[in-house]
């Protein structure tokens, strides 16, 4: 059984993203806003501007960080990668607890 646990652990470690240093913790939020310019389509036609923001907790307060269009794909990937890392960390934690309960040490 212990050998199986170590095999499971090895499989979990393989799930760690290769670009693990390229992560961002937060949630992506699309906001539709008006700019306030009298001659803009958002004011005249009601077609609001769509922007991507990163919602992040800083010192217990939620902060919204604007993401320029040119960085949207990169930031989406970084946030996705962070979520993947969180999942892998949780799986590793659970398997390590099971291994500790067996009293067996890794070689």
C-alpha atoms as a PDB file:
ATOM      1  CA  UNK A   1       0.000   0.000   0.000  1.00  0.00           C
ATOM      2  CA  UNK A   2       2.800   2.427   0.869  1.00  0.00           C
ATOM      3  CA  UNK A   3       4.452   1.883  -2.513  1.00  0.00           C
ATOM      4  CA  UNK A   4       1.154   2.802  -4.159  1.00  0.00           C
ATOM      5  CA  UNK A   5       1.006   6.018  -2.128  1.00  0.00           C
ATOM      6  CA  UNK A   6       4.501   7.000  -3.274  1.00  0.00           C
ATOM      7  CA  UNK A   7       3.520   6.239  -6.872  1.00  0.00           C
ATOM      8  CA  UNK A   8       0.434   8.443  -6.462  1.00  0.00           C
ATOM      9  CA  UNK A   9       2.632  11.191  -5.021  1.00  0.00           C
ATOM     10  CA  UNK A  10       4.999  10.975  -7.996  1.00  0.00           C
ATOM     11  CA  UNK A  11       2.021  11.262 -10.352  1.00  0.00           C
ATOM     12  CA  UNK A  12       0.786  14.356  -8.496  1.00  0.00           C
ATOM     13  CA  UNK A  13       4.233  16.002  -8.652  1.00  0.00           C
ATOM     14  CA  UNK A  14       4.184  15.569 -12.439  1.00  0.00           C
ATOM     15  CA  UNK A  15       1.064  17.777 -12.517  1.00  0.00           C
ATOM     16  CA  UNK A  16       3.041  20.797 -11.300  1.00  0.00           C
ATOM     17  CA  UNK A  17       2.967  23.322 -14.159  1.00  0.00           C
ATOM     18  CA  UNK A  18       6.301  23.842 -15.918  1.00  0.00           C
ATOM     19  CA  UNK A  19       5.986  27.629 -15.720  1.00  0.00           C
ATOM     20  CA  UNK A  20       5.260  27.555 -11.990  1.00  0.00           C
ATOM     21  CA  UNK A  21       6.932  30.920 -11.459  1.00  0.00           C
ATOM     22  CA  UNK A  22       4.409  32.575 -13.795  1.00  0.00           C
ATOM     23  CA  UNK A  23       1.335  32.684 -11.581  1.00  0.00           C
ATOM     24  CA  UNK A  24      -1.015  35.335 -10.249  1.00  0.00           C
ATOM     25  CA  UNK A  25      -3.443  34.858  -7.379  1.00  0.00           C
ATOM     26  CA  UNK A  26      -6.773  36.542  -7.956  1.00  0.00           C
ATOM     27  CA  UNK A  27     -10.013  36.421  -9.914  1.00  0.00           C
ATOM     28  CA  UNK A  28     -10.637  37.932 -13.309  1.00  0.00           C
ATOM     29  CA  UNK A  29     -13.617  40.245 -13.632  1.00  0.00           C
ATOM     30  CA  UNK A  30     -15.059  41.856 -16.777  1.00  0.00           C
ATOM     31  CA  UNK A  31     -16.578  45.252 -16.178  1.00  0.00           C
ATOM     32  CA  UNK A  32     -18.730  47.263 -18.553  1.00  0.00           C
ATOM     33  CA  UNK A  33     -18.288  50.961 -17.923  1.00  0.00           C
ATOM     34  CA  UNK A  34     -19.081  54.331 -19.432  1.00  0.00           C
ATOM     35  CA  UNK A  35     -16.225  56.776 -19.934  1.00  0.00           C
ATOM     36  CA  UNK A  36     -18.311  59.926 -19.574  1.00  0.00           C
ATOM     37  CA  UNK A  37     -17.343  61.562 -22.888  1.00  0.00           C
ATOM     38  CA  UNK A  38     -20.420  63.179 -24.412  1.00  0.00           C
ATOM     39  CA  UNK A  39     -19.594  62.126 -27.997  1.00  0.00           C
ATOM     40  CA  UNK A  40     -18.606  58.507 -27.160  1.00  0.00           C
ATOM     41  CA  UNK A  41     -20.782  55.537 -28.176  1.00  0.00           C
ATOM     42  CA  UNK A  42     -21.035  54.508 -24.525  1.00  0.00           C
ATOM     43  CA  UNK A  43     -22.763  57.796 -23.793  1.00  0.00           C
ATOM     44  CA  UNK A  44     -24.777  58.248 -26.992  1.00  0.00           C
ATOM     45  CA  UNK A  45     -25.735  54.637 -27.796  1.00  0.00           C
ATOM     46  CA  UNK A  46     -25.329  52.971 -24.424  1.00  0.00           C
ATOM     47  CA  UNK A  47     -22.617  50.614 -25.743  1.00  0.00           C
ATOM     48  CA  UNK A  48     -20.381  50.377 -22.703  1.00  0.00           C
ATOM     49  CA  UNK A  49     -16.629  49.758 -22.771  1.00  0.00           C
ATOM     50  CA  UNK A  50     -15.594  46.275 -21.610  1.00  0.00           C
ATOM     51  CA  UNK A  51     -12.418  45.989 -19.567  1.00  0.00           C
ATOM     52  CA  UNK A  52     -10.736  43.142 -17.720  1.00  0.00           C
ATOM     53  CA  UNK A  53      -9.719  43.573 -14.093  1.00  0.00           C
ATOM     54  CA  UNK A  54      -7.914  41.379 -11.605  1.00  0.00           C
ATOM     55  CA  UNK A  55      -9.737  41.249  -8.291  1.00  0.00           C
ATOM     56  CA  UNK A  56      -7.298  40.640  -5.462  1.00  0.00           C
ATOM     57  CA  UNK A  57      -7.353  40.876  -1.693  1.00  0.00           C
ATOM     58  CA  UNK A  58      -4.587  43.082  -0.287  1.00  0.00           C
ATOM     59  CA  UNK A  59      -4.372  43.508   3.488  1.00  0.00           C
ATOM     60  CA  UNK A  60      -7.991  42.418   3.845  1.00  0.00           C
ATOM     61  CA  UNK A  61      -9.306  44.836   1.216  1.00  0.00           C
ATOM     62  CA  UNK A  62     -10.390  43.954  -2.303  1.00  0.00           C
ATOM     63  CA  UNK A  63      -8.396  45.713  -4.990  1.00  0.00           C
ATOM     64  CA  UNK A  64      -9.274  45.861  -8.672  1.00  0.00           C
ATOM     65  CA  UNK A  65      -6.283  46.032 -10.996  1.00  0.00           C
ATOM     66  CA  UNK A  66      -6.912  47.028 -14.607  1.00  0.00           C
ATOM     67  CA  UNK A  67      -5.473  44.600 -17.160  1.00  0.00           C
ATOM     68  CA  UNK A  68      -4.574  46.230 -20.507  1.00  0.00           C
ATOM     69  CA  UNK A  69      -5.831  44.358 -23.590  1.00  0.00           C
ATOM     70  CA  UNK A  70      -2.293  43.363 -24.616  1.00  0.00           C
ATOM     71  CA  UNK A  71      -1.832  41.471 -21.318  1.00  0.00           C
ATOM     72  CA  UNK A  72      -5.257  39.814 -21.054  1.00  0.00           C
ATOM     73  CA  UNK A  73      -4.225  36.412 -22.467  1.00  0.00           C
ATOM     74  CA  UNK A  74      -1.070  36.291 -20.343  1.00  0.00           C
ATOM     75  CA  UNK A  75      -2.885  37.240 -17.144  1.00  0.00           C
ATOM     76  CA  UNK A  76      -5.639  34.692 -17.828  1.00  0.00           C
ATOM     77  CA  UNK A  77      -2.963  32.006 -18.178  1.00  0.00           C
ATOM     78  CA  UNK A  78      -1.197  33.118 -14.975  1.00  0.00           C
ATOM     79  CA  UNK A  79      -4.453  33.011 -12.979  1.00  0.00           C
ATOM     80  CA  UNK A  80      -5.323  29.599 -14.444  1.00  0.00           C
ATOM     81  CA  UNK A  81      -1.864  28.311 -13.559  1.00  0.00           C
ATOM     82  CA  UNK A  82      -2.261  29.543  -9.976  1.00  0.00           C
ATOM     83  CA  UNK A  83      -5.488  27.581  -9.643  1.00  0.00           C
ATOM     84  CA  UNK A  84      -3.731  24.488 -11.014  1.00  0.00           C
ATOM     85  CA  UNK A  85      -0.939  24.937  -8.468  1.00  0.00           C
ATOM     86  CA  UNK A  86      -3.447  25.276  -5.631  1.00  0.00           C
ATOM     87  CA  UNK A  87      -5.082  22.017  -6.682  1.00  0.00           C
ATOM     88  CA  UNK A  88      -1.727  20.208  -6.852  1.00  0.00           C
ATOM     89  CA  UNK A  89      -0.716  21.571  -3.433  1.00  0.00           C
ATOM     90  CA  UNK A  90      -3.968  20.281  -1.947  1.00  0.00           C
ATOM     91  CA  UNK A  91      -3.456  16.845  -3.518  1.00  0.00           C
ATOM     92  CA  UNK A  92       0.156  16.691  -2.289  1.00  0.00           C
ATOM     93  CA  UNK A  93      -0.919  17.674   1.191  1.00  0.00           C
ATOM     94  CA  UNK A  94      -3.520  14.899   1.301  1.00  0.00           C
ATOM     95  CA  UNK A  95      -1.148  12.216  -0.002  1.00  0.00           C
ATOM     96  CA  UNK A  96       1.589  13.324   2.420  1.00  0.00           C
ATOM     97  CA  UNK A  97      -0.820  12.951   5.339  1.00  0.00           C
ATOM     98  CA  UNK A  98      -1.653   9.417   4.190  1.00  0.00           C
ATOM     99  CA  UNK A  99       2.058   8.597   3.887  1.00  0.00           C
ATOM    100  CA  UNK A 100       2.781   9.981   7.363  1.00  0.00           C
ATOM    101  CA  UNK A 101       0.001   7.835   8.808  1.00  0.00           C
ATOM    102  CA  UNK A 102       1.713   4.712   7.432  1.00  0.00           C
ATOM    103  CA  UNK A 103       4.914   5.589   9.282  1.00  0.00           C
ATOM    104  CA  UNK A 104       7.019   4.954   6.181  1.00  0.00           C
ATOM    105  CA  UNK A 105       9.738   7.337   5.019  1.00  0.00           C
ATOM    106  CA  UNK A 106      10.626   8.176   1.423  1.00  0.00           C
ATOM    107  CA  UNK A 107      13.879   6.840   0.057  1.00  0.00           C
END
